[in-house]
Amino acid sequence: RPQALQVFLEAVRRPIVCGRVRVMFLARKRLHAVPVQTVNT
């Protein structure tokens, strides 16, 4: 299990630290061209 949720954006953003929750942001070129799908939470 990754220690942080890994999220791609078009540009880098500061990570989120909220209690024991961590979110890591990474920059991805051509973000709109990357195939994605939706999962339910």
PDB file of all heavy atoms in Angstrom:
ATOM      1  N   ARG A   1       0.841  -1.200   0.000  1.00  0.00           N
ATOM      2  CA  ARG A   1       0.000   0.000   0.000  1.00  0.00           C
ATOM      3  C   ARG A   1       0.875   1.248   0.000  1.00  0.00           C
ATOM      4  O   ARG A   1       1.774   1.388   0.842  1.00  0.00           O
ATOM      5  CB  ARG A   1      -0.905   0.006   1.235  1.00  0.00           C
ATOM      6  CG  ARG A   1      -1.952   1.114   1.203  1.00  0.00           C
ATOM      7  CD  ARG A   1      -2.875   1.001   2.398  1.00  0.00           C
ATOM      8  NE  ARG A   1      -3.918   2.009   2.326  1.00  0.00           N
ATOM      9  CZ  ARG A   1      -5.060   1.859   1.674  1.00  0.00           C
ATOM     10  NH1 ARG A   1      -5.286   0.729   1.032  1.00  0.00           N
ATOM     11  NH2 ARG A   1      -5.956   2.821   1.647  1.00  0.00           N
ATOM     12  N   PRO A   2       0.652   2.160  -0.960  1.00  0.00           N
ATOM     13  CA  PRO A   2       1.464   3.389  -0.982  1.00  0.00           C
ATOM     14  C   PRO A   2       1.199   4.241   0.248  1.00  0.00           C
ATOM     15  O   PRO A   2       0.094   4.256   0.788  1.00  0.00           O
ATOM     16  CB  PRO A   2       1.000   4.092  -2.260  1.00  0.00           C
ATOM     17  CG  PRO A   2      -0.359   3.531  -2.538  1.00  0.00           C
ATOM     18  CD  PRO A   2      -0.341   2.116  -2.043  1.00  0.00           C
ATOM     19  N   GLN A   3       2.234   4.941   0.705  1.00  0.00           N
ATOM     20  CA  GLN A   3       2.103   5.767   1.896  1.00  0.00           C
ATOM     21  C   GLN A   3       1.300   7.030   1.638  1.00  0.00           C
ATOM     22  O   GLN A   3       0.809   7.654   2.575  1.00  0.00           O
ATOM     23  CB  GLN A   3       3.494   6.129   2.425  1.00  0.00           C
ATOM     24  CG  GLN A   3       4.283   4.931   2.918  1.00  0.00           C
ATOM     25  CD  GLN A   3       5.637   5.312   3.475  1.00  0.00           C
ATOM     26  OE1 GLN A   3       6.136   6.412   3.236  1.00  0.00           O
ATOM     27  NE2 GLN A   3       6.244   4.414   4.226  1.00  0.00           N
ATOM     28  N   ALA A   4       1.186   7.422   0.361  1.00  0.00           N
ATOM     29  CA  ALA A   4       0.422   8.617  -0.002  1.00  0.00           C
ATOM     30  C   ALA A   4      -0.384   8.321  -1.252  1.00  0.00           C
ATOM     31  O   ALA A   4       0.031   7.509  -2.094  1.00  0.00           O
ATOM     32  CB  ALA A   4       1.356   9.803  -0.248  1.00  0.00           C
ATOM     33  N   LEU A   5      -1.539   8.958  -1.380  1.00  0.00           N
ATOM     34  CA  LEU A   5      -2.305   8.865  -2.617  1.00  0.00           C
ATOM     35  C   LEU A   5      -1.540   9.641  -3.680  1.00  0.00           C
ATOM     36  O   LEU A   5      -1.186  10.812  -3.478  1.00  0.00           O
ATOM     37  CB  LEU A   5      -3.700   9.460  -2.424  1.00  0.00           C
ATOM     38  CG  LEU A   5      -4.652   9.260  -3.611  1.00  0.00           C
ATOM     39  CD1 LEU A   5      -5.117   7.806  -3.691  1.00  0.00           C
ATOM     40  CD2 LEU A   5      -5.863  10.195  -3.499  1.00  0.00           C
ATOM     41  N   GLN A   6      -1.262   9.006  -4.808  1.00  0.00           N
ATOM     42  CA  GLN A   6      -0.464   9.621  -5.865  1.00  0.00           C
ATOM     43  C   GLN A   6      -1.392  10.165  -6.949  1.00  0.00           C
ATOM     44  O   GLN A   6      -2.102   9.407  -7.619  1.00  0.00           O
ATOM     45  CB  GLN A   6       0.520   8.594  -6.436  1.00  0.00           C
ATOM     46  CG  GLN A   6       1.525   8.140  -5.381  1.00  0.00           C
ATOM     47  CD  GLN A   6       2.372   6.967  -5.837  1.00  0.00           C
ATOM     48  OE1 GLN A   6       1.866   5.950  -6.284  1.00  0.00           O
ATOM     49  NE2 GLN A   6       3.691   7.107  -5.722  1.00  0.00           N
ATOM     50  N   VAL A   7      -1.378  11.485  -7.102  1.00  0.00           N
ATOM     51  CA  VAL A   7      -2.316  12.177  -7.986  1.00  0.00           C
ATOM     52  C   VAL A   7      -1.550  12.976  -9.034  1.00  0.00           C
ATOM     53  O   VAL A   7      -0.638  13.741  -8.702  1.00  0.00           O
ATOM     54  CB  VAL A   7      -3.239  13.129  -7.184  1.00  0.00           C
ATOM     55  CG1 VAL A   7      -4.198  13.861  -8.110  1.00  0.00           C
ATOM     56  CG2 VAL A   7      -4.011  12.339  -6.118  1.00  0.00           C
ATOM     57  N   PHE A   8      -1.934  12.798 -10.292  1.00  0.00           N
ATOM     58  CA  PHE A   8      -1.319  13.544 -11.385  1.00  0.00           C
ATOM     59  C   PHE A   8      -2.133  14.792 -11.710  1.00  0.00           C
ATOM     60  O   PHE A   8      -3.358  14.742 -11.800  1.00  0.00           O
ATOM     61  CB  PHE A   8      -1.203  12.682 -12.644  1.00  0.00           C
ATOM     62  CG  PHE A   8      -0.058  11.710 -12.606  1.00  0.00           C
ATOM     63  CD1 PHE A   8      -0.273  10.369 -12.318  1.00  0.00           C
ATOM     64  CD2 PHE A   8       1.238  12.140 -12.859  1.00  0.00           C
ATOM     65  CE1 PHE A   8       0.775   9.471 -12.286  1.00  0.00           C
ATOM     66  CE2 PHE A   8       2.300  11.250 -12.823  1.00  0.00           C
ATOM     67  CZ  PHE A   8       2.073   9.902 -12.538  1.00  0.00           C
ATOM     68  N   LEU A   9      -1.410  15.914 -11.894  1.00  0.00           N
ATOM     69  CA  LEU A   9      -1.989  17.173 -12.327  1.00  0.00           C
ATOM     70  C   LEU A   9      -1.179  17.686 -13.518  1.00  0.00           C
ATOM     71  O   LEU A   9      -0.154  17.113 -13.877  1.00  0.00           O
ATOM     72  CB  LEU A   9      -1.939  18.214 -11.201  1.00  0.00           C
ATOM     73  CG  LEU A   9      -2.617  17.872  -9.874  1.00  0.00           C
ATOM     74  CD1 LEU A   9      -2.326  18.970  -8.849  1.00  0.00           C
ATOM     75  CD2 LEU A   9      -4.115  17.711 -10.058  1.00  0.00           C
ATOM     76  N   GLU A  10      -1.616  18.793 -14.087  1.00  0.00           N
ATOM     77  CA  GLU A  10      -0.851  19.394 -15.184  1.00  0.00           C
ATOM     78  C   GLU A  10       0.378  20.135 -14.673  1.00  0.00           C
ATOM     79  O   GLU A  10       1.317  20.373 -15.430  1.00  0.00           O
ATOM     80  CB  GLU A  10      -1.751  20.339 -15.977  1.00  0.00           C
ATOM     81  CG  GLU A  10      -2.833  19.617 -16.770  1.00  0.00           C
ATOM     82  CD  GLU A  10      -3.743  20.562 -17.510  1.00  0.00           C
ATOM     83  OE1 GLU A  10      -4.198  21.549 -16.889  1.00  0.00           O
ATOM     84  OE2 GLU A  10      -4.013  20.329 -18.704  1.00  0.00           O
ATOM     85  N   ALA A  11       0.362  20.503 -13.406  1.00  0.00           N
ATOM     86  CA  ALA A  11       1.500  21.204 -12.804  1.00  0.00           C
ATOM     87  C   ALA A  11       1.663  20.733 -11.371  1.00  0.00           C
ATOM     88  O   ALA A  11       0.710  20.270 -10.734  1.00  0.00           O
ATOM     89  CB  ALA A  11       1.286  22.719 -12.839  1.00  0.00           C
ATOM     90  N   VAL A  12       2.865  20.869 -10.857  1.00  0.00           N
ATOM     91  CA  VAL A  12       3.156  20.410  -9.495  1.00  0.00           C
ATOM     92  C   VAL A  12       2.383  21.255  -8.481  1.00  0.00           C
ATOM     93  O   VAL A  12       2.216  22.462  -8.642  1.00  0.00           O
ATOM     94  CB  VAL A  12       4.668  20.492  -9.210  1.00  0.00           C
ATOM     95  CG1 VAL A  12       4.958  20.161  -7.757  1.00  0.00           C
ATOM     96  CG2 VAL A  12       5.422  19.523 -10.115  1.00  0.00           C
ATOM     97  N   ARG A  13       1.924  20.610  -7.426  1.00  0.00           N
ATOM     98  CA  ARG A  13       1.223  21.277  -6.334  1.00  0.00           C
ATOM     99  C   ARG A  13       1.806  20.744  -5.028  1.00  0.00           C
ATOM    100  O   ARG A  13       2.262  19.603  -4.957  1.00  0.00           O
ATOM    101  CB  ARG A  13      -0.290  20.980  -6.414  1.00  0.00           C
ATOM    102  CG  ARG A  13      -1.118  21.606  -5.290  1.00  0.00           C
ATOM    103  CD  ARG A  13      -2.588  21.221  -5.433  1.00  0.00           C
ATOM    104  NE  ARG A  13      -3.360  21.634  -4.264  1.00  0.00           N
ATOM    105  CZ  ARG A  13      -3.907  22.823  -4.124  1.00  0.00           C
ATOM    106  NH1 ARG A  13      -3.781  23.710  -5.095  1.00  0.00           N
ATOM    107  NH2 ARG A  13      -4.599  23.132  -3.040  1.00  0.00           N
ATOM    108  N   ARG A  14       1.802  21.580  -4.017  1.00  0.00           N
ATOM    109  CA  ARG A  14       2.321  21.145  -2.720  1.00  0.00           C
ATOM    110  C   ARG A  14       1.539  19.933  -2.217  1.00  0.00           C
ATOM    111  O   ARG A  14       0.319  19.847  -2.412  1.00  0.00           O
ATOM    112  CB  ARG A  14       2.205  22.277  -1.695  1.00  0.00           C
ATOM    113  CG  ARG A  14       3.148  23.439  -1.955  1.00  0.00           C
ATOM    114  CD  ARG A  14       2.854  24.592  -0.997  1.00  0.00           C
ATOM    115  NE  ARG A  14       3.074  24.204   0.389  1.00  0.00           N
ATOM    116  CZ  ARG A  14       4.253  24.279   1.004  1.00  0.00           C
ATOM    117  NH1 ARG A  14       5.306  24.746   0.359  1.00  0.00           N
ATOM    118  NH2 ARG A  14       4.377  23.918   2.265  1.00  0.00           N
ATOM    119  N   PRO A  15       2.221  19.000  -1.545  1.00  0.00           N
ATOM    120  CA  PRO A  15       1.512  17.824  -1.027  1.00  0.00           C
ATOM    121  C   PRO A  15       0.521  18.214   0.058  1.00  0.00           C
ATOM    122  O   PRO A  15       0.625  19.274   0.678  1.00  0.00           O
ATOM    123  CB  PRO A  15       2.644  16.960  -0.466  1.00  0.00           C
ATOM    124  CG  PRO A  15       3.759  17.913  -0.194  1.00  0.00           C
ATOM    125  CD  PRO A  15       3.654  18.971  -1.254  1.00  0.00           C
ATOM    126  N   ILE A  16      -0.437  17.351   0.275  1.00  0.00           N
ATOM    127  CA  ILE A  16      -1.432  17.547   1.322  1.00  0.00           C
ATOM    128  C   ILE A  16      -1.089  16.640   2.494  1.00  0.00           C
ATOM    129  O   ILE A  16      -0.813  15.450   2.321  1.00  0.00           O
ATOM    130  CB  ILE A  16      -2.855  17.216   0.809  1.00  0.00           C
ATOM    131  CG1 ILE A  16      -3.360  18.332  -0.116  1.00  0.00           C
ATOM    132  CG2 ILE A  16      -3.822  17.024   1.975  1.00  0.00           C
ATOM    133  CD1 ILE A  16      -4.705  18.038  -0.739  1.00  0.00           C
ATOM    134  N   VAL A  17      -1.074  17.224   3.677  1.00  0.00           N
ATOM    135  CA  VAL A  17      -0.915  16.470   4.916  1.00  0.00           C
ATOM    136  C   VAL A  17      -2.111  16.811   5.787  1.00  0.00           C
ATOM    137  O   VAL A  17      -2.314  17.971   6.153  1.00  0.00           O
ATOM    138  CB  VAL A  17       0.398  16.820   5.646  1.00  0.00           C
ATOM    139  CG1 VAL A  17       0.496  16.051   6.956  1.00  0.00           C
ATOM    140  CG2 VAL A  17       1.598  16.523   4.767  1.00  0.00           C
ATOM    141  N   CYS A  18      -2.918  15.814   6.088  1.00  0.00           N
ATOM    142  CA  CYS A  18      -4.151  16.035   6.853  1.00  0.00           C
ATOM    143  C   CYS A  18      -4.289  14.886   7.839  1.00  0.00           C
ATOM    144  O   CYS A  18      -4.702  13.784   7.463  1.00  0.00           O
ATOM    145  CB  CYS A  18      -5.350  16.099   5.896  1.00  0.00           C
ATOM    146  SG  CYS A  18      -6.948  16.368   6.705  1.00  0.00           S
ATOM    147  N   GLY A  19      -3.926  15.128   9.104  1.00  0.00           N
ATOM    148  CA  GLY A  19      -3.896  14.023  10.056  1.00  0.00           C
ATOM    149  C   GLY A  19      -2.869  13.005   9.590  1.00  0.00           C
ATOM    150  O   GLY A  19      -1.727  13.328   9.282  1.00  0.00           O
ATOM    151  N   ARG A  20      -3.289  11.755   9.466  1.00  0.00           N
ATOM    152  CA  ARG A  20      -2.411  10.693   8.976  1.00  0.00           C
ATOM    153  C   ARG A  20      -2.538  10.490   7.468  1.00  0.00           C
ATOM    154  O   ARG A  20      -1.931   9.578   6.907  1.00  0.00           O
ATOM    155  CB  ARG A  20      -2.735   9.382   9.703  1.00  0.00           C
ATOM    156  CG  ARG A  20      -2.377   9.406  11.194  1.00  0.00           C
ATOM    157  CD  ARG A  20      -2.983   8.229  11.932  1.00  0.00           C
ATOM    158  NE  ARG A  20      -2.625   6.964  11.306  1.00  0.00           N
ATOM    159  CZ  ARG A  20      -3.275   5.815  11.521  1.00  0.00           C
ATOM    160  NH1 ARG A  20      -4.316   5.806  12.345  1.00  0.00           N
ATOM    161  NH2 ARG A  20      -2.896   4.694  10.933  1.00  0.00           N
ATOM    162  N   VAL A  21      -3.314  11.326   6.812  1.00  0.00           N
ATOM    163  CA  VAL A  21      -3.540  11.232   5.370  1.00  0.00           C
ATOM    164  C   VAL A  21      -2.482  12.028   4.616  1.00  0.00           C
ATOM    165  O   VAL A  21      -2.147  13.151   5.006  1.00  0.00           O
ATOM    166  CB  VAL A  21      -4.958  11.739   5.017  1.00  0.00           C
ATOM    167  CG1 VAL A  21      -5.099  12.009   3.534  1.00  0.00           C
ATOM    168  CG2 VAL A  21      -5.999  10.733   5.482  1.00  0.00           C
ATOM    169  N   ARG A  22      -1.979  11.439   3.535  1.00  0.00           N
ATOM    170  CA  ARG A  22      -0.978  12.100   2.699  1.00  0.00           C
ATOM    171  C   ARG A  22      -1.421  12.020   1.241  1.00  0.00           C
ATOM    172  O   ARG A  22      -1.882  10.981   0.773  1.00  0.00           O
ATOM    173  CB  ARG A  22       0.394  11.435   2.834  1.00  0.00           C
ATOM    174  CG  ARG A  22       0.956  11.387   4.254  1.00  0.00           C
ATOM    175  CD  ARG A  22       1.342  12.764   4.748  1.00  0.00           C
ATOM    176  NE  ARG A  22       1.974  12.721   6.055  1.00  0.00           N
ATOM    177  CZ  ARG A  22       1.318  12.757   7.199  1.00  0.00           C
ATOM    178  NH1 ARG A  22      -0.013  12.838   7.198  1.00  0.00           N
ATOM    179  NH2 ARG A  22       1.965  12.724   8.361  1.00  0.00           N
ATOM    180  N   VAL A  23      -1.243  13.121   0.516  1.00  0.00           N
ATOM    181  CA  VAL A  23      -1.495  13.154  -0.924  1.00  0.00           C
ATOM    182  C   VAL A  23      -0.270  13.738  -1.604  1.00  0.00           C
ATOM    183  O   VAL A  23       0.182  14.822  -1.256  1.00  0.00           O
ATOM    184  CB  VAL A  23      -2.744  13.995  -1.284  1.00  0.00           C
ATOM    185  CG1 VAL A  23      -2.989  13.973  -2.792  1.00  0.00           C
ATOM    186  CG2 VAL A  23      -3.977  13.484  -0.546  1.00  0.00           C
ATOM    187  N   MET A  24       0.268  13.007  -2.583  1.00  0.00           N
ATOM    188  CA  MET A  24       1.421  13.462  -3.355  1.00  0.00           C
ATOM    189  C   MET A  24       0.949  13.838  -4.750  1.00  0.00           C
ATOM    190  O   MET A  24       0.241  13.072  -5.414  1.00  0.00           O
ATOM    191  CB  MET A  24       2.463  12.338  -3.460  1.00  0.00           C
ATOM    192  CG  MET A  24       3.635  12.653  -4.387  1.00  0.00           C
ATOM    193  SD  MET A  24       4.567  11.149  -4.835  1.00  0.00           S
ATOM    194  CE  MET A  24       5.087  10.598  -3.220  1.00  0.00           C
ATOM    195  N   PHE A  25       1.343  15.034  -5.212  1.00  0.00           N
ATOM    196  CA  PHE A  25       0.967  15.485  -6.546  1.00  0.00           C
ATOM    197  C   PHE A  25       2.173  15.414  -7.474  1.00  0.00           C
ATOM    198  O   PHE A  25       3.289  15.793  -7.101  1.00  0.00           O
ATOM    199  CB  PHE A  25       0.428  16.915  -6.496  1.00  0.00           C
ATOM    200  CG  PHE A  25      -0.862  17.041  -5.725  1.00  0.00           C
ATOM    201  CD1 PHE A  25      -0.876  17.572  -4.436  1.00  0.00           C
ATOM    202  CD2 PHE A  25      -2.064  16.625  -6.284  1.00  0.00           C
ATOM    203  CE1 PHE A  25      -2.057  17.680  -3.726  1.00  0.00           C
ATOM    204  CE2 PHE A  25      -3.254  16.735  -5.577  1.00  0.00           C
ATOM    205  CZ  PHE A  25      -3.255  17.260  -4.294  1.00  0.00           C
ATOM    206  N   LEU A  26       1.944  14.925  -8.685  1.00  0.00           N
ATOM    207  CA  LEU A  26       2.990  14.835  -9.691  1.00  0.00           C
ATOM    208  C   LEU A  26       2.509  15.516 -10.963  1.00  0.00           C
ATOM    209  O   LEU A  26       1.320  15.485 -11.289  1.00  0.00           O
ATOM    210  CB  LEU A  26       3.336  13.378  -9.998  1.00  0.00           C
ATOM    211  CG  LEU A  26       3.790  12.528  -8.818  1.00  0.00           C
ATOM    212  CD1 LEU A  26       2.646  11.629  -8.352  1.00  0.00           C
ATOM    213  CD2 LEU A  26       4.970  11.659  -9.200  1.00  0.00           C
ATOM    214  N   ALA A  27       3.429  16.134 -11.679  1.00  0.00           N
ATOM    215  CA  ALA A  27       3.081  16.810 -12.934  1.00  0.00           C
ATOM    216  C   ALA A  27       3.147  15.802 -14.076  1.00  0.00           C
ATOM    217  O   ALA A  27       4.065  14.985 -14.159  1.00  0.00           O
ATOM    218  CB  ALA A  27       4.039  17.961 -13.197  1.00  0.00           C
ATOM    219  N   ARG A  28       2.156  15.870 -14.973  1.00  0.00           N
ATOM    220  CA  ARG A  28       2.089  14.948 -16.116  1.00  0.00           C
ATOM    221  C   ARG A  28       1.826  15.733 -17.395  1.00  0.00           C
ATOM    222  O   ARG A  28       0.811  16.425 -17.516  1.00  0.00           O
ATOM    223  CB  ARG A  28       0.966  13.930 -15.900  1.00  0.00           C
ATOM    224  CG  ARG A  28       0.777  12.905 -17.029  1.00  0.00           C
ATOM    225  CD  ARG A  28       1.980  12.007 -17.145  1.00  0.00           C
ATOM    226  NE  ARG A  28       1.695  10.739 -17.773  1.00  0.00           N
ATOM    227  CZ  ARG A  28       1.758  10.506 -19.093  1.00  0.00           C
ATOM    228  NH1 ARG A  28       2.085  11.495 -19.918  1.00  0.00           N
ATOM    229  NH2 ARG A  28       1.510   9.314 -19.576  1.00  0.00           N
ATOM    230  N   LYS A  29       2.768  15.650 -18.334  1.00  0.00           N
ATOM    231  CA  LYS A  29       2.532  16.253 -19.634  1.00  0.00           C
ATOM    232  C   LYS A  29       1.440  15.477 -20.361  1.00  0.00           C
ATOM    233  O   LYS A  29       1.299  14.276 -20.181  1.00  0.00           O
ATOM    234  CB  LYS A  29       3.818  16.253 -20.465  1.00  0.00           C
ATOM    235  CG  LYS A  29       4.910  17.166 -19.920  1.00  0.00           C
ATOM    236  CD  LYS A  29       6.138  17.132 -20.813  1.00  0.00           C
ATOM    237  CE  LYS A  29       7.225  18.063 -20.280  1.00  0.00           C
ATOM    238  NZ  LYS A  29       8.442  18.043 -21.122  1.00  0.00           N
ATOM    239  N   ARG A  30       0.689  16.176 -21.200  1.00  0.00           N
ATOM    240  CA  ARG A  30      -0.395  15.567 -21.983  1.00  0.00           C
ATOM    241  C   ARG A  30      -1.385  14.827 -21.079  1.00  0.00           C
ATOM    242  O   ARG A  30      -1.852  13.726 -21.382  1.00  0.00           O
ATOM    243  CB  ARG A  30       0.162  14.624 -23.050  1.00  0.00           C
ATOM    244  CG  ARG A  30       1.119  15.292 -24.040  1.00  0.00           C
ATOM    245  CD  ARG A  30       1.473  14.351 -25.171  1.00  0.00           C
ATOM    246  NE  ARG A  30       0.290  14.015 -25.949  1.00  0.00           N
ATOM    247  CZ  ARG A  30       0.232  12.994 -26.807  1.00  0.00           C
ATOM    248  NH1 ARG A  30       1.286  12.222 -26.992  1.00  0.00           N
ATOM    249  NH2 ARG A  30      -0.879  12.742 -27.482  1.00  0.00           N
ATOM    250  N   LEU A  31      -1.702  15.447 -19.969  1.00  0.00           N
ATOM    251  CA  LEU A  31      -2.600  14.835 -18.994  1.00  0.00           C
ATOM    252  C   LEU A  31      -3.928  14.425 -19.623  1.00  0.00           C
ATOM    253  O   LEU A  31      -4.463  13.341 -19.351  1.00  0.00           O
ATOM    254  CB  LEU A  31      -2.842  15.811 -17.837  1.00  0.00           C
ATOM    255  CG  LEU A  31      -3.684  15.274 -16.686  1.00  0.00           C
ATOM    256  CD1 LEU A  31      -2.801  14.486 -15.724  1.00  0.00           C
ATOM    257  CD2 LEU A  31      -4.363  16.413 -15.923  1.00  0.00           C
ATOM    258  N   HIS A  32      -4.471  15.287 -20.484  1.00  0.00           N
ATOM    259  CA  HIS A  32      -5.780  15.017 -21.079  1.00  0.00           C
ATOM    260  C   HIS A  32      -5.759  13.810 -22.007  1.00  0.00           C
ATOM    261  O   HIS A  32      -6.808  13.226 -22.291  1.00  0.00           O
ATOM    262  CB  HIS A  32      -6.273  16.249 -21.846  1.00  0.00           C
ATOM    263  CG  HIS A  32      -6.677  17.390 -20.963  1.00  0.00           C
ATOM    264  ND1 HIS A  32      -7.882  17.424 -20.296  1.00  0.00           N
ATOM    265  CD2 HIS A  32      -6.030  18.532 -20.618  1.00  0.00           C
ATOM    266  CE1 HIS A  32      -7.966  18.544 -19.600  1.00  0.00           C
ATOM    267  NE2 HIS A  32      -6.864  19.231 -19.764  1.00  0.00           N
ATOM    268  N   ALA A  33      -4.580  13.431 -22.494  1.00  0.00           N
ATOM    269  CA  ALA A  33      -4.489  12.310 -23.426  1.00  0.00           C
ATOM    270  C   ALA A  33      -4.354  10.962 -22.716  1.00  0.00           C
ATOM    271  O   ALA A  33      -4.447   9.914 -23.369  1.00  0.00           O
ATOM    272  CB  ALA A  33      -3.299  12.510 -24.362  1.00  0.00           C
ATOM    273  N   VAL A  34      -4.153  10.979 -21.424  1.00  0.00           N
ATOM    274  CA  VAL A  34      -3.957   9.732 -20.675  1.00  0.00           C
ATOM    275  C   VAL A  34      -5.306   9.044 -20.451  1.00  0.00           C
ATOM    276  O   VAL A  34      -6.225   9.648 -19.904  1.00  0.00           O
ATOM    277  CB  VAL A  34      -3.276  10.003 -19.324  1.00  0.00           C
ATOM    278  CG1 VAL A  34      -3.150   8.710 -18.516  1.00  0.00           C
ATOM    279  CG2 VAL A  34      -1.912  10.644 -19.534  1.00  0.00           C
ATOM    280  N   PRO A  35      -5.455   7.784 -20.863  1.00  0.00           N
ATOM    281  CA  PRO A  35      -6.730   7.069 -20.630  1.00  0.00           C
ATOM    282  C   PRO A  35      -6.993   6.871 -19.140  1.00  0.00           C
ATOM    283  O   PRO A  35      -6.110   6.436 -18.388  1.00  0.00           O
ATOM    284  CB  PRO A  35      -6.497   5.717 -21.326  1.00  0.00           C
ATOM    285  CG  PRO A  35      -5.426   5.978 -22.345  1.00  0.00           C
ATOM    286  CD  PRO A  35      -4.527   6.992 -21.691  1.00  0.00           C
ATOM    287  N   VAL A  36      -8.211   7.205 -18.724  1.00  0.00           N
ATOM    288  CA  VAL A  36      -8.596   7.084 -17.315  1.00  0.00           C
ATOM    289  C   VAL A  36      -9.944   6.373 -17.214  1.00  0.00           C
ATOM    290  O   VAL A  36     -10.645   6.213 -18.206  1.00  0.00           O
ATOM    291  CB  VAL A  36      -8.665   8.462 -16.618  1.00  0.00           C
ATOM    292  CG1 VAL A  36      -7.305   9.141 -16.610  1.00  0.00           C
ATOM    293  CG2 VAL A  36      -9.710   9.354 -17.276  1.00  0.00           C
ATOM    294  N   GLN A  37     -10.292   5.984 -16.020  1.00  0.00           N
ATOM    295  CA  GLN A  37     -11.597   5.394 -15.759  1.00  0.00           C
ATOM    296  C   GLN A  37     -12.071   5.865 -14.392  1.00  0.00           C
ATOM    297  O   GLN A  37     -11.292   6.410 -13.603  1.00  0.00           O
ATOM    298  CB  GLN A  37     -11.525   3.866 -15.791  1.00  0.00           C
ATOM    299  CG  GLN A  37     -10.674   3.250 -14.704  1.00  0.00           C
ATOM    300  CD  GLN A  37     -10.527   1.747 -14.850  1.00  0.00           C
ATOM    301  OE1 GLN A  37      -9.774   1.260 -15.700  1.00  0.00           O
ATOM    302  NE2 GLN A  37     -11.250   1.000 -14.017  1.00  0.00           N
ATOM    303  N   THR A  38     -13.353   5.672 -14.125  1.00  0.00           N
ATOM    304  CA  THR A  38     -13.932   6.102 -12.852  1.00  0.00           C
ATOM    305  C   THR A  38     -14.187   4.894 -11.964  1.00  0.00           C
ATOM    306  O   THR A  38     -14.731   3.885 -12.421  1.00  0.00           O
ATOM    307  CB  THR A  38     -15.255   6.852 -13.080  1.00  0.00           C
ATOM    308  OG1 THR A  38     -15.017   7.997 -13.916  1.00  0.00           O
ATOM    309  CG2 THR A  38     -15.845   7.337 -11.761  1.00  0.00           C
ATOM    310  N   VAL A  39     -13.776   4.999 -10.710  1.00  0.00           N
ATOM    311  CA  VAL A  39     -14.116   3.983  -9.713  1.00  0.00           C
ATOM    312  C   VAL A  39     -14.956   4.653  -8.637  1.00  0.00           C
ATOM    313  O   VAL A  39     -14.848   5.857  -8.402  1.00  0.00           O
ATOM    314  CB  VAL A  39     -12.856   3.344  -9.095  1.00  0.00           C
ATOM    315  CG1 VAL A  39     -12.067   2.580 -10.143  1.00  0.00           C
ATOM    316  CG2 VAL A  39     -11.973   4.388  -8.420  1.00  0.00           C
ATOM    317  N   ASN A  40     -15.809   3.877  -8.013  1.00  0.00           N
ATOM    318  CA  ASN A  40     -16.696   4.413  -6.991  1.00  0.00           C
ATOM    319  C   ASN A  40     -16.047   4.395  -5.613  1.00  0.00           C
ATOM    320  O   ASN A  40     -15.341   3.447  -5.258  1.00  0.00           O
ATOM    321  CB  ASN A  40     -18.006   3.624  -6.950  1.00  0.00           C
ATOM    322  CG  ASN A  40     -18.826   3.812  -8.210  1.00  0.00           C
ATOM    323  OD1 ASN A  40     -18.873   4.901  -8.785  1.00  0.00           O
ATOM    324  ND2 ASN A  40     -19.482   2.757  -8.664  1.00  0.00           N
ATOM    325  N   THR A  41     -16.281   5.463  -4.855  1.00  0.00           N
ATOM    326  CA  THR A  41     -15.889   5.536  -3.455  1.00  0.00           C
ATOM    327  C   THR A  41     -17.160   5.842  -2.656  1.00  0.00           C
ATOM    328  O   THR A  41     -18.199   6.166  -3.250  1.00  0.00           O
ATOM    329  CB  THR A  41     -14.850   6.651  -3.210  1.00  0.00           C
ATOM    330  OG1 THR A  41     -15.520   7.926  -3.179  1.00  0.00           O
ATOM    331  CG2 THR A  41     -13.779   6.657  -4.294  1.00  0.00           C
TER     332      THR A  41
END
